[in-house]
C-alpha atoms as a PDB file:
ATOM      1  CA  UNK A   1     -20.062 -41.896  -3.131  1.00  0.00           C
ATOM      2  CA  UNK A   2     -21.996 -41.776   0.150  1.00  0.00           C
ATOM      3  CA  UNK A   3     -21.176 -38.885   2.498  1.00  0.00           C
ATOM      4  CA  UNK A   4     -20.084 -39.630   6.034  1.00  0.00           C
ATOM      5  CA  UNK A   5     -22.918 -39.355   8.578  1.00  0.00           C
ATOM      6  CA  UNK A   6     -22.914 -36.138  10.614  1.00  0.00           C
ATOM      7  CA  UNK A   7     -21.117 -36.195  13.960  1.00  0.00           C
ATOM      8  CA  UNK A   8     -23.748 -35.246  16.585  1.00  0.00           C
ATOM      9  CA  UNK A   9     -21.098 -34.341  19.164  1.00  0.00           C
ATOM     10  CA  UNK A  10     -19.307 -31.979  16.787  1.00  0.00           C
ATOM     11  CA  UNK A  11     -22.647 -30.479  15.764  1.00  0.00           C
ATOM     12  CA  UNK A  12     -23.566 -29.812  19.416  1.00  0.00           C
ATOM     13  CA  UNK A  13     -20.215 -28.141  20.105  1.00  0.00           C
ATOM     14  CA  UNK A  14     -20.412 -26.078  16.926  1.00  0.00           C
ATOM     15  CA  UNK A  15     -23.871 -24.857  17.955  1.00  0.00           C
ATOM     16  CA  UNK A  16     -22.461 -23.741  21.329  1.00  0.00           C
ATOM     17  CA  UNK A  17     -22.015 -26.002  24.340  1.00  0.00           C
ATOM     18  CA  UNK A  18     -20.542 -26.092  27.813  1.00  0.00           C
ATOM     19  CA  UNK A  19     -19.759 -28.730  30.429  1.00  0.00           C
ATOM     20  CA  UNK A  20     -20.145 -28.633  34.206  1.00  0.00           C
ATOM     21  CA  UNK A  21     -17.105 -30.237  35.812  1.00  0.00           C
ATOM     22  CA  UNK A  22     -16.643 -31.161  39.466  1.00  0.00           C
ATOM     23  CA  UNK A  23     -13.227 -29.627  40.048  1.00  0.00           C
ATOM     24  CA  UNK A  24     -11.221 -31.682  42.553  1.00  0.00           C
ATOM     25  CA  UNK A  25      -8.862 -30.263  45.143  1.00  0.00           C
ATOM     26  CA  UNK A  26      -5.274 -30.039  43.909  1.00  0.00           C
ATOM     27  CA  UNK A  27      -5.165 -28.805  40.300  1.00  0.00           C
ATOM     28  CA  UNK A  28      -5.849 -25.236  39.254  1.00  0.00           C
ATOM     29  CA  UNK A  29      -9.007 -24.256  37.382  1.00  0.00           C
ATOM     30  CA  UNK A  30      -6.819 -23.608  34.333  1.00  0.00           C
ATOM     31  CA  UNK A  31      -5.393 -27.130  34.451  1.00  0.00           C
ATOM     32  CA  UNK A  32      -8.844 -28.724  34.773  1.00  0.00           C
ATOM     33  CA  UNK A  33     -10.103 -26.634  31.849  1.00  0.00           C
ATOM     34  CA  UNK A  34      -7.133 -27.677  29.709  1.00  0.00           C
ATOM     35  CA  UNK A  35      -7.768 -31.339  30.530  1.00  0.00           C
ATOM     36  CA  UNK A  36     -11.427 -30.989  29.538  1.00  0.00           C
ATOM     37  CA  UNK A  37     -10.392 -29.282  26.297  1.00  0.00           C
ATOM     38  CA  UNK A  38      -8.001 -32.093  25.402  1.00  0.00           C
ATOM     39  CA  UNK A  39     -10.445 -34.831  26.421  1.00  0.00           C
ATOM     40  CA  UNK A  40     -13.130 -33.413  24.157  1.00  0.00           C
ATOM     41  CA  UNK A  41     -10.789 -32.596  21.297  1.00  0.00           C
ATOM     42  CA  UNK A  42     -11.896 -28.977  20.989  1.00  0.00           C
ATOM     43  CA  UNK A  43      -9.738 -26.051  19.899  1.00  0.00           C
ATOM     44  CA  UNK A  44     -10.453 -23.740  22.818  1.00  0.00           C
ATOM     45  CA  UNK A  45     -12.066 -23.924  26.251  1.00  0.00           C
ATOM     46  CA  UNK A  46     -12.359 -21.504  29.140  1.00  0.00           C
ATOM     47  CA  UNK A  47     -13.891 -21.393  32.606  1.00  0.00           C
ATOM     48  CA  UNK A  48     -16.069 -18.769  34.275  1.00  0.00           C
ATOM     49  CA  UNK A  49     -14.908 -18.235  37.851  1.00  0.00           C
ATOM     50  CA  UNK A  50     -11.536 -19.350  39.187  1.00  0.00           C
ATOM     51  CA  UNK A  51     -11.371 -21.826  42.054  1.00  0.00           C
ATOM     52  CA  UNK A  52      -8.153 -21.972  44.076  1.00  0.00           C
ATOM     53  CA  UNK A  53      -6.267 -25.295  43.893  1.00  0.00           C
ATOM     54  CA  UNK A  54      -7.479 -26.386  47.351  1.00  0.00           C
ATOM     55  CA  UNK A  55     -11.131 -25.545  46.564  1.00  0.00           C
ATOM     56  CA  UNK A  56     -13.485 -28.004  44.861  1.00  0.00           C
ATOM     57  CA  UNK A  57     -16.857 -27.767  43.182  1.00  0.00           C
ATOM     58  CA  UNK A  58     -18.793 -26.444  40.226  1.00  0.00           C
ATOM     59  CA  UNK A  59     -16.609 -25.277  37.333  1.00  0.00           C
ATOM     60  CA  UNK A  60     -18.429 -23.970  34.241  1.00  0.00           C
ATOM     61  CA  UNK A  61     -16.331 -24.645  31.124  1.00  0.00           C
ATOM     62  CA  UNK A  62     -17.327 -23.192  27.761  1.00  0.00           C
ATOM     63  CA  UNK A  63     -16.191 -24.893  24.562  1.00  0.00           C
ATOM     64  CA  UNK A  64     -15.115 -23.042  21.419  1.00  0.00           C
ATOM     65  CA  UNK A  65     -17.895 -20.575  20.476  1.00  0.00           C
ATOM     66  CA  UNK A  66     -19.544 -20.863  23.888  1.00  0.00           C
ATOM     67  CA  UNK A  67     -16.623 -18.893  25.337  1.00  0.00           C
ATOM     68  CA  UNK A  68     -18.423 -15.767  24.152  1.00  0.00           C
ATOM     69  CA  UNK A  69     -20.981 -16.396  26.895  1.00  0.00           C
ATOM     70  CA  UNK A  70     -18.448 -16.091  29.735  1.00  0.00           C
ATOM     71  CA  UNK A  71     -19.593 -12.489  30.500  1.00  0.00           C
ATOM     72  CA  UNK A  72     -23.128 -13.826  31.003  1.00  0.00           C
ATOM     73  CA  UNK A  73     -21.994 -16.613  33.331  1.00  0.00           C
ATOM     74  CA  UNK A  74     -19.935 -14.141  35.365  1.00  0.00           C
ATOM     75  CA  UNK A  75     -23.173 -12.280  36.093  1.00  0.00           C
ATOM     76  CA  UNK A  76     -24.430 -15.268  38.104  1.00  0.00           C
ATOM     77  CA  UNK A  77     -23.874 -15.297  41.888  1.00  0.00           C
ATOM     78  CA  UNK A  78     -21.818 -18.172  43.269  1.00  0.00           C
ATOM     79  CA  UNK A  79     -22.827 -20.370  46.217  1.00  0.00           C
ATOM     80  CA  UNK A  80     -20.225 -21.838  48.574  1.00  0.00           C
ATOM     81  CA  UNK A  81     -20.244 -24.106  51.603  1.00  0.00           C
ATOM     82  CA  UNK A  82     -17.158 -23.838  53.782  1.00  0.00           C
ATOM     83  CA  UNK A  83     -15.578 -24.378  57.160  1.00  0.00           C
ATOM     84  CA  UNK A  84     -14.221 -21.358  59.039  1.00  0.00           C
ATOM     85  CA  UNK A  85     -11.976 -21.820  62.069  1.00  0.00           C
ATOM     86  CA  UNK A  86     -12.313 -19.220  64.830  1.00  0.00           C
ATOM     87  CA  UNK A  87      -9.197 -18.341  66.796  1.00  0.00           C
ATOM     88  CA  UNK A  88     -11.081 -17.744  70.031  1.00  0.00           C
ATOM     89  CA  UNK A  89     -14.422 -18.440  71.746  1.00  0.00           C
ATOM     90  CA  UNK A  90     -17.462 -16.592  70.342  1.00  0.00           C
ATOM     91  CA  UNK A  91     -21.111 -16.792  71.430  1.00  0.00           C
ATOM     92  CA  UNK A  92     -23.335 -18.126  68.666  1.00  0.00           C
ATOM     93  CA  UNK A  93     -25.588 -15.059  68.840  1.00  0.00           C
ATOM     94  CA  UNK A  94     -22.571 -12.795  68.310  1.00  0.00           C
ATOM     95  CA  UNK A  95     -21.411 -14.945  65.405  1.00  0.00           C
ATOM     96  CA  UNK A  96     -24.781 -14.760  63.681  1.00  0.00           C
ATOM     97  CA  UNK A  97     -24.991 -11.013  64.271  1.00  0.00           C
ATOM     98  CA  UNK A  98     -21.543 -10.439  62.776  1.00  0.00           C
ATOM     99  CA  UNK A  99     -22.286 -12.611  59.744  1.00  0.00           C
ATOM    100  CA  UNK A 100     -25.497 -10.645  59.077  1.00  0.00           C
ATOM    101  CA  UNK A 101     -23.507  -7.402  59.006  1.00  0.00           C
ATOM    102  CA  UNK A 102     -21.541  -8.663  55.999  1.00  0.00           C
ATOM    103  CA  UNK A 103     -24.647  -9.100  53.840  1.00  0.00           C
ATOM    104  CA  UNK A 104     -24.709  -6.417  51.139  1.00  0.00           C
ATOM    105  CA  UNK A 105     -21.886  -4.564  49.330  1.00  0.00           C
ATOM    106  CA  UNK A 106     -18.464  -5.001  50.931  1.00  0.00           C
ATOM    107  CA  UNK A 107     -14.916  -3.944  50.111  1.00  0.00           C
ATOM    108  CA  UNK A 108     -12.420  -6.726  49.453  1.00  0.00           C
ATOM    109  CA  UNK A 109      -8.761  -7.001  48.573  1.00  0.00           C
ATOM    110  CA  UNK A 110      -7.756 -10.337  47.005  1.00  0.00           C
ATOM    111  CA  UNK A 111      -5.437 -12.438  49.188  1.00  0.00           C
ATOM    112  CA  UNK A 112      -1.703 -12.402  48.512  1.00  0.00           C
ATOM    113  CA  UNK A 113      -1.825 -15.870  46.917  1.00  0.00           C
ATOM    114  CA  UNK A 114      -4.406 -15.119  44.246  1.00  0.00           C
ATOM    115  CA  UNK A 115      -4.493 -15.174  40.444  1.00  0.00           C
ATOM    116  CA  UNK A 116      -5.559 -11.541  39.999  1.00  0.00           C
ATOM    117  CA  UNK A 117      -4.111  -8.112  40.681  1.00  0.00           C
ATOM    118  CA  UNK A 118      -4.425  -7.143  44.358  1.00  0.00           C
ATOM    119  CA  UNK A 119      -6.576  -4.041  44.277  1.00  0.00           C
ATOM    120  CA  UNK A 120      -9.581  -3.123  46.373  1.00  0.00           C
ATOM    121  CA  UNK A 121     -12.970  -3.880  44.808  1.00  0.00           C
ATOM    122  CA  UNK A 122     -16.623  -3.955  45.814  1.00  0.00           C
ATOM    123  CA  UNK A 123     -18.506  -7.244  45.879  1.00  0.00           C
ATOM    124  CA  UNK A 124     -21.991  -8.069  47.176  1.00  0.00           C
ATOM    125  CA  UNK A 125     -22.731 -10.815  49.681  1.00  0.00           C
ATOM    126  CA  UNK A 126     -26.294 -11.971  48.979  1.00  0.00           C
ATOM    127  CA  UNK A 127     -26.528 -14.251  52.004  1.00  0.00           C
ATOM    128  CA  UNK A 128     -24.204 -15.433  54.777  1.00  0.00           C
ATOM    129  CA  UNK A 129     -25.724 -18.341  56.691  1.00  0.00           C
ATOM    130  CA  UNK A 130     -24.446 -20.177  59.742  1.00  0.00           C
ATOM    131  CA  UNK A 131     -25.327 -23.855  59.205  1.00  0.00           C
ATOM    132  CA  UNK A 132     -23.647 -25.427  62.212  1.00  0.00           C
ATOM    133  CA  UNK A 133     -21.165 -24.491  64.894  1.00  0.00           C
ATOM    134  CA  UNK A 134     -18.801 -26.770  66.838  1.00  0.00           C
ATOM    135  CA  UNK A 135     -16.076 -24.517  68.179  1.00  0.00           C
ATOM    136  CA  UNK A 136     -13.657 -23.634  66.918  1.00  0.00           C
ATOM    137  CA  UNK A 137     -15.121 -24.682  63.536  1.00  0.00           C
ATOM    138  CA  UNK A 138     -18.143 -23.079  61.888  1.00  0.00           C
ATOM    139  CA  UNK A 139     -19.943 -24.467  58.833  1.00  0.00           C
ATOM    140  CA  UNK A 140     -21.271 -21.637  56.644  1.00  0.00           C
ATOM    141  CA  UNK A 141     -23.106 -21.135  53.364  1.00  0.00           C
ATOM    142  CA  UNK A 142     -22.285 -18.000  51.358  1.00  0.00           C
ATOM    143  CA  UNK A 143     -23.983 -16.658  48.226  1.00  0.00           C
ATOM    144  CA  UNK A 144     -21.935 -13.875  46.687  1.00  0.00           C
ATOM    145  CA  UNK A 145     -21.028 -12.027  43.508  1.00  0.00           C
ATOM    146  CA  UNK A 146     -18.606 -13.635  41.111  1.00  0.00           C
ATOM    147  CA  UNK A 147     -15.088 -12.655  42.131  1.00  0.00           C
ATOM    148  CA  UNK A 148     -15.738 -12.696  45.884  1.00  0.00           C
ATOM    149  CA  UNK A 149     -12.909 -14.195  47.961  1.00  0.00           C
ATOM    150  CA  UNK A 150     -14.444 -16.352  50.662  1.00  0.00           C
ATOM    151  CA  UNK A 151     -11.014 -16.833  52.251  1.00  0.00           C
ATOM    152  CA  UNK A 152     -10.816 -13.059  52.723  1.00  0.00           C
ATOM    153  CA  UNK A 153     -14.375 -13.078  54.068  1.00  0.00           C
ATOM    154  CA  UNK A 154     -13.338 -15.561  56.765  1.00  0.00           C
ATOM    155  CA  UNK A 155     -10.449 -13.326  57.840  1.00  0.00           C
ATOM    156  CA  UNK A 156     -12.693 -10.242  57.861  1.00  0.00           C
ATOM    157  CA  UNK A 157     -15.305 -12.059  59.954  1.00  0.00           C
ATOM    158  CA  UNK A 158     -12.645 -13.018  62.513  1.00  0.00           C
ATOM    159  CA  UNK A 159     -11.459  -9.409  62.666  1.00  0.00           C
ATOM    160  CA  UNK A 160     -15.022  -8.187  63.205  1.00  0.00           C
ATOM    161  CA  UNK A 161     -15.431 -10.660  66.076  1.00  0.00           C
ATOM    162  CA  UNK A 162     -12.121  -9.607  67.581  1.00  0.00           C
ATOM    163  CA  UNK A 163     -10.722 -13.159  67.746  1.00  0.00           C
ATOM    164  CA  UNK A 164      -9.397 -13.818  64.236  1.00  0.00           C
ATOM    165  CA  UNK A 165     -10.393 -16.617  61.851  1.00  0.00           C
ATOM    166  CA  UNK A 166      -9.300 -18.468  58.733  1.00  0.00           C
ATOM    167  CA  UNK A 167     -10.901 -20.682  56.100  1.00  0.00           C
ATOM    168  CA  UNK A 168     -10.139 -24.391  56.411  1.00  0.00           C
ATOM    169  CA  UNK A 169     -12.322 -25.930  53.688  1.00  0.00           C
ATOM    170  CA  UNK A 170     -14.409 -24.610  50.784  1.00  0.00           C
ATOM    171  CA  UNK A 171     -16.597 -26.023  48.048  1.00  0.00           C
ATOM    172  CA  UNK A 172     -18.532 -24.149  45.361  1.00  0.00           C
ATOM    173  CA  UNK A 173     -21.978 -25.743  45.227  1.00  0.00           C
ATOM    174  CA  UNK A 174     -23.559 -23.613  42.496  1.00  0.00           C
ATOM    175  CA  UNK A 175     -22.881 -21.065  39.793  1.00  0.00           C
ATOM    176  CA  UNK A 176     -26.212 -19.333  39.279  1.00  0.00           C
ATOM    177  CA  UNK A 177     -28.723 -21.990  38.204  1.00  0.00           C
ATOM    178  CA  UNK A 178     -26.039 -24.657  37.739  1.00  0.00           C
ATOM    179  CA  UNK A 179     -25.776 -26.671  40.954  1.00  0.00           C
ATOM    180  CA  UNK A 180     -23.434 -29.448  42.028  1.00  0.00           C
ATOM    181  CA  UNK A 181     -26.027 -32.106  41.235  1.00  0.00           C
ATOM    182  CA  UNK A 182     -25.323 -31.507  37.540  1.00  0.00           C
ATOM    183  CA  UNK A 183     -21.508 -31.636  37.662  1.00  0.00           C
ATOM    184  CA  UNK A 184     -19.409 -34.619  36.616  1.00  0.00           C
ATOM    185  CA  UNK A 185     -15.800 -35.599  37.347  1.00  0.00           C
ATOM    186  CA  UNK A 186     -13.264 -35.531  34.554  1.00  0.00           C
ATOM    187  CA  UNK A 187     -13.181 -39.353  34.575  1.00  0.00           C
ATOM    188  CA  UNK A 188     -16.874 -39.431  33.611  1.00  0.00           C
ATOM    189  CA  UNK A 189     -16.170 -36.975  30.811  1.00  0.00           C
ATOM    190  CA  UNK A 190     -13.322 -39.164  29.560  1.00  0.00           C
ATOM    191  CA  UNK A 191     -15.502 -42.297  29.611  1.00  0.00           C
ATOM    192  CA  UNK A 192     -18.274 -40.519  27.720  1.00  0.00           C
ATOM    193  CA  UNK A 193     -15.800 -39.307  25.096  1.00  0.00           C
ATOM    194  CA  UNK A 194     -14.423 -42.830  24.628  1.00  0.00           C
ATOM    195  CA  UNK A 195     -17.948 -44.211  24.216  1.00  0.00           C
ATOM    196  CA  UNK A 196     -18.744 -41.517  21.630  1.00  0.00           C
ATOM    197  CA  UNK A 197     -15.642 -42.411  19.644  1.00  0.00           C
ATOM    198  CA  UNK A 198     -16.843 -46.032  19.706  1.00  0.00           C
ATOM    199  CA  UNK A 199     -20.141 -44.977  18.142  1.00  0.00           C
ATOM    200  CA  UNK A 200     -22.220 -44.370  21.286  1.00  0.00           C
ATOM    201  CA  UNK A 201     -22.468 -40.580  21.745  1.00  0.00           C
ATOM    202  CA  UNK A 202     -25.592 -40.508  23.942  1.00  0.00           C
ATOM    203  CA  UNK A 203     -23.822 -40.070  27.291  1.00  0.00           C
ATOM    204  CA  UNK A 204     -21.489 -37.355  26.007  1.00  0.00           C
ATOM    205  CA  UNK A 205     -24.367 -35.491  24.391  1.00  0.00           C
ATOM    206  CA  UNK A 206     -26.142 -35.455  27.755  1.00  0.00           C
ATOM    207  CA  UNK A 207     -23.071 -33.784  29.298  1.00  0.00           C
ATOM    208  CA  UNK A 208     -22.773 -31.111  26.594  1.00  0.00           C
ATOM    209  CA  UNK A 209     -25.202 -28.449  27.780  1.00  0.00           C
ATOM    210  CA  UNK A 210     -26.662 -26.140  25.098  1.00  0.00           C
ATOM    211  CA  UNK A 211     -25.887 -22.453  25.550  1.00  0.00           C
ATOM    212  CA  UNK A 212     -29.609 -21.700  25.793  1.00  0.00           C
ATOM    213  CA  UNK A 213     -29.383 -22.880  29.417  1.00  0.00           C
ATOM    214  CA  UNK A 214     -27.253 -19.790  30.060  1.00  0.00           C
ATOM    215  CA  UNK A 215     -28.922 -17.075  28.014  1.00  0.00           C
ATOM    216  CA  UNK A 216     -32.516 -17.932  28.912  1.00  0.00           C
ATOM    217  CA  UNK A 217     -31.775 -16.563  32.406  1.00  0.00           C
ATOM    218  CA  UNK A 218     -31.415 -13.004  31.026  1.00  0.00           C
ATOM    219  CA  UNK A 219     -33.778 -10.425  29.479  1.00  0.00           C
ATOM    220  CA  UNK A 220     -34.103 -11.241  25.788  1.00  0.00           C
ATOM    221  CA  UNK A 221     -34.677  -8.946  22.820  1.00  0.00           C
ATOM    222  CA  UNK A 222     -36.237 -10.522  19.733  1.00  0.00           C
ATOM    223  CA  UNK A 223     -34.825  -8.802  16.652  1.00  0.00           C
ATOM    224  CA  UNK A 224     -36.461  -8.153  13.334  1.00  0.00           C
ATOM    225  CA  UNK A 225     -34.962 -10.097  10.447  1.00  0.00           C
ATOM    226  CA  UNK A 226     -32.946  -7.248   8.944  1.00  0.00           C
ATOM    227  CA  UNK A 227     -31.661  -6.169  12.366  1.00  0.00           C
ATOM    228  CA  UNK A 228     -30.618  -9.730  13.288  1.00  0.00           C
ATOM    229  CA  UNK A 229     -28.680  -9.989  10.048  1.00  0.00           C
ATOM    230  CA  UNK A 230     -27.032  -6.597  10.547  1.00  0.00           C
ATOM    231  CA  UNK A 231     -26.021  -7.395  14.147  1.00  0.00           C
ATOM    232  CA  UNK A 232     -24.590 -10.765  13.069  1.00  0.00           C
ATOM    233  CA  UNK A 233     -22.358  -8.829  10.660  1.00  0.00           C
ATOM    234  CA  UNK A 234     -21.127  -6.489  13.409  1.00  0.00           C
ATOM    235  CA  UNK A 235     -23.617  -3.604  13.262  1.00  0.00           C
ATOM    236  CA  UNK A 236     -24.973  -1.883  16.358  1.00  0.00           C
ATOM    237  CA  UNK A 237     -28.639  -2.207  17.304  1.00  0.00           C
ATOM    238  CA  UNK A 238     -31.099   0.654  16.908  1.00  0.00           C
ATOM    239  CA  UNK A 239     -34.502   0.823  18.593  1.00  0.00           C
ATOM    240  CA  UNK A 240     -36.328   0.173  15.343  1.00  0.00           C
ATOM    241  CA  UNK A 241     -34.708  -3.249  15.013  1.00  0.00           C
ATOM    242  CA  UNK A 242     -36.383  -4.705  18.121  1.00  0.00           C
ATOM    243  CA  UNK A 243     -39.558  -6.715  17.745  1.00  0.00           C
ATOM    244  CA  UNK A 244     -40.206  -7.520  21.433  1.00  0.00           C
ATOM    245  CA  UNK A 245     -38.619  -8.110  24.855  1.00  0.00           C
ATOM    246  CA  UNK A 246     -39.090 -11.065  27.180  1.00  0.00           C
ATOM    247  CA  UNK A 247     -39.429  -8.757  30.217  1.00  0.00           C
ATOM    248  CA  UNK A 248     -38.653  -5.175  31.270  1.00  0.00           C
ATOM    249  CA  UNK A 249     -35.081  -4.367  32.314  1.00  0.00           C
ATOM    250  CA  UNK A 250     -33.086  -1.381  33.623  1.00  0.00           C
ATOM    251  CA  UNK A 251     -30.249   0.473  31.933  1.00  0.00           C
ATOM    252  CA  UNK A 252     -26.997  -1.417  32.390  1.00  0.00           C
ATOM    253  CA  UNK A 253     -28.657  -4.847  32.338  1.00  0.00           C
ATOM    254  CA  UNK A 254     -26.982  -7.669  30.467  1.00  0.00           C
ATOM    255  CA  UNK A 255     -29.147  -8.538  27.447  1.00  0.00           C
ATOM    256  CA  UNK A 256     -29.458 -11.409  25.011  1.00  0.00           C
ATOM    257  CA  UNK A 257     -30.359 -10.726  21.373  1.00  0.00           C
ATOM    258  CA  UNK A 258     -32.079 -13.475  19.363  1.00  0.00           C
ATOM    259  CA  UNK A 259     -33.750 -13.725  15.965  1.00  0.00           C
ATOM    260  CA  UNK A 260     -37.407 -14.606  15.393  1.00  0.00           C
ATOM    261  CA  UNK A 261     -36.504 -18.327  15.601  1.00  0.00           C
ATOM    262  CA  UNK A 262     -34.930 -17.665  19.035  1.00  0.00           C
ATOM    263  CA  UNK A 263     -31.420 -18.429  17.831  1.00  0.00           C
ATOM    264  CA  UNK A 264     -28.743 -16.560  19.780  1.00  0.00           C
ATOM    265  CA  UNK A 265     -27.316 -13.657  17.756  1.00  0.00           C
ATOM    266  CA  UNK A 266     -25.395 -11.553  20.297  1.00  0.00           C
ATOM    267  CA  UNK A 267     -25.202 -10.288  23.856  1.00  0.00           C
ATOM    268  CA  UNK A 268     -24.775  -6.740  25.098  1.00  0.00           C
ATOM    269  CA  UNK A 269     -25.439  -4.119  27.765  1.00  0.00           C
ATOM    270  CA  UNK A 270     -28.645  -2.035  27.732  1.00  0.00           C
ATOM    271  CA  UNK A 271     -27.959   1.677  27.195  1.00  0.00           C
ATOM    272  CA  UNK A 272     -31.549   2.456  28.209  1.00  0.00           C
ATOM    273  CA  UNK A 273     -34.138   0.735  30.361  1.00  0.00           C
ATOM    274  CA  UNK A 274     -36.905  -0.974  28.410  1.00  0.00           C
ATOM    275  CA  UNK A 275     -39.441   1.629  29.532  1.00  0.00           C
ATOM    276  CA  UNK A 276     -37.044   4.523  28.786  1.00  0.00           C
ATOM    277  CA  UNK A 277     -35.764   3.387  25.389  1.00  0.00           C
ATOM    278  CA  UNK A 278     -36.004   5.663  22.341  1.00  0.00           C
ATOM    279  CA  UNK A 279     -39.319   5.296  20.548  1.00  0.00           C
ATOM    280  CA  UNK A 280     -37.915   6.139  17.119  1.00  0.00           C
ATOM    281  CA  UNK A 281     -35.767   3.936  14.944  1.00  0.00           C
ATOM    282  CA  UNK A 282     -32.694   6.093  15.540  1.00  0.00           C
ATOM    283  CA  UNK A 283     -30.208   5.773  18.409  1.00  0.00           C
ATOM    284  CA  UNK A 284     -28.182   2.780  19.525  1.00  0.00           C
ATOM    285  CA  UNK A 285     -29.816   0.992  22.451  1.00  0.00           C
ATOM    286  CA  UNK A 286     -27.319  -1.805  23.194  1.00  0.00           C
ATOM    287  CA  UNK A 287     -23.587  -1.417  23.861  1.00  0.00           C
ATOM    288  CA  UNK A 288     -20.651  -3.730  24.561  1.00  0.00           C
ATOM    289  CA  UNK A 289     -21.920  -6.111  21.882  1.00  0.00           C
ATOM    290  CA  UNK A 290     -20.503  -9.627  21.568  1.00  0.00           C
ATOM    291  CA  UNK A 291     -21.648 -11.406  18.414  1.00  0.00           C
ATOM    292  CA  UNK A 292     -22.302 -15.112  18.822  1.00  0.00           C
ATOM    293  CA  UNK A 293     -23.931 -15.965  15.496  1.00  0.00           C
ATOM    294  CA  UNK A 294     -22.007 -17.151  12.456  1.00  0.00           C
ATOM    295  CA  UNK A 295     -22.399 -14.281   9.923  1.00  0.00           C
ATOM    296  CA  UNK A 296     -22.449 -16.820   7.079  1.00  0.00           C
ATOM    297  CA  UNK A 297     -25.837 -18.037   8.354  1.00  0.00           C
ATOM    298  CA  UNK A 298     -27.280 -14.524   8.179  1.00  0.00           C
ATOM    299  CA  UNK A 299     -27.210 -13.199   4.609  1.00  0.00           C
ATOM    300  CA  UNK A 300     -27.370  -9.390   4.382  1.00  0.00           C
ATOM    301  CA  UNK A 301     -30.984  -8.215   4.572  1.00  0.00           C
ATOM    302  CA  UNK A 302     -30.577  -4.562   5.455  1.00  0.00           C
ATOM    303  CA  UNK A 303     -31.480  -1.832   3.009  1.00  0.00           C
ATOM    304  CA  UNK A 304     -28.606  -0.755   0.828  1.00  0.00           C
ATOM    305  CA  UNK A 305     -28.245   2.783  -0.416  1.00  0.00           C
ATOM    306  CA  UNK A 306     -29.358   3.311  -4.006  1.00  0.00           C
ATOM    307  CA  UNK A 307     -26.401   3.646  -6.404  1.00  0.00           C
ATOM    308  CA  UNK A 308     -26.008   7.046  -8.053  1.00  0.00           C
ATOM    309  CA  UNK A 309     -27.639   7.544 -11.438  1.00  0.00           C
ATOM    310  CA  UNK A 310     -25.217   6.880 -14.319  1.00  0.00           C
ATOM    311  CA  UNK A 311     -23.729   9.856 -16.066  1.00  0.00           C
ATOM    312  CA  UNK A 312     -24.862  10.502 -19.650  1.00  0.00           C
ATOM    313  CA  UNK A 313     -23.359   7.927 -21.941  1.00  0.00           C
ATOM    314  CA  UNK A 314     -22.192   5.696 -19.059  1.00  0.00           C
ATOM    315  CA  UNK A 315     -24.886   3.064 -19.679  1.00  0.00           C
ATOM    316  CA  UNK A 316     -23.944   2.812 -23.319  1.00  0.00           C
ATOM    317  CA  UNK A 317     -20.286   2.353 -22.345  1.00  0.00           C
ATOM    318  CA  UNK A 318     -21.199  -0.562 -20.077  1.00  0.00           C
ATOM    319  CA  UNK A 319     -22.811  -2.438 -22.962  1.00  0.00           C
ATOM    320  CA  UNK A 320     -20.155  -1.576 -25.531  1.00  0.00           C
END
């Protein structure tokens, strides 16, 4: 009996894959994610970075095992283009000066109509650019930490100018390296899925991004064989298990752990900077570990303790 040919789409998803969806205005991010999950026939799916119903743009959606990479994606800054409406006349020079003062760490409280608990938090604005002004509307580009509320930023800018302001329109144009040129509408995803079911998976495969596109953006530790196997089975990582690093990093950096074949094993947080790490084989160097690898693909290779010597007469009893 001939075995069925392998399903390339299922194989890609099982290896770890995500899709980049162009979220439309109207539905919530959760609804769009659920639609993508059902379209692709996967068990689980989740997004990295909520967009309000009236906001459109780049929505990163991880499928099944790729959900474990959400903490990595949340490390990426988000880029937005939006329209702010000023409630009074403001000179352009004053507007630019006020926007520049918001660059850097700021305090924010989520708006009343938000999906998270309303408590004050610190977020960093990496850039706040005035693209065009036609009073009372101002077109801006903002690059900010994940979790920044651009609607709140508009209100705060209006308060700083003394005239008030609100956000009228917003679109997320990038999540880290993933820009809007790579996103697709749900209709395109549905068409690609239908074609794959008809025996033409090429288009759908092109939309299923491998997880390497995420983790290659972070410092990478190459593990020795025994250490990779131990980590895949839930062990912590000691300094002696590291073969090399892709680049230096500080304590607290998000790290990616791979085996010698550069297959993703786990992610974690550096307990020491690369230049300050322990030089001996003792001491855990990575915390907050999230194992990505399937343990079944990593047979135990670590050294086991030697069993105690048999008591007199025990060997004879075993062969009796």
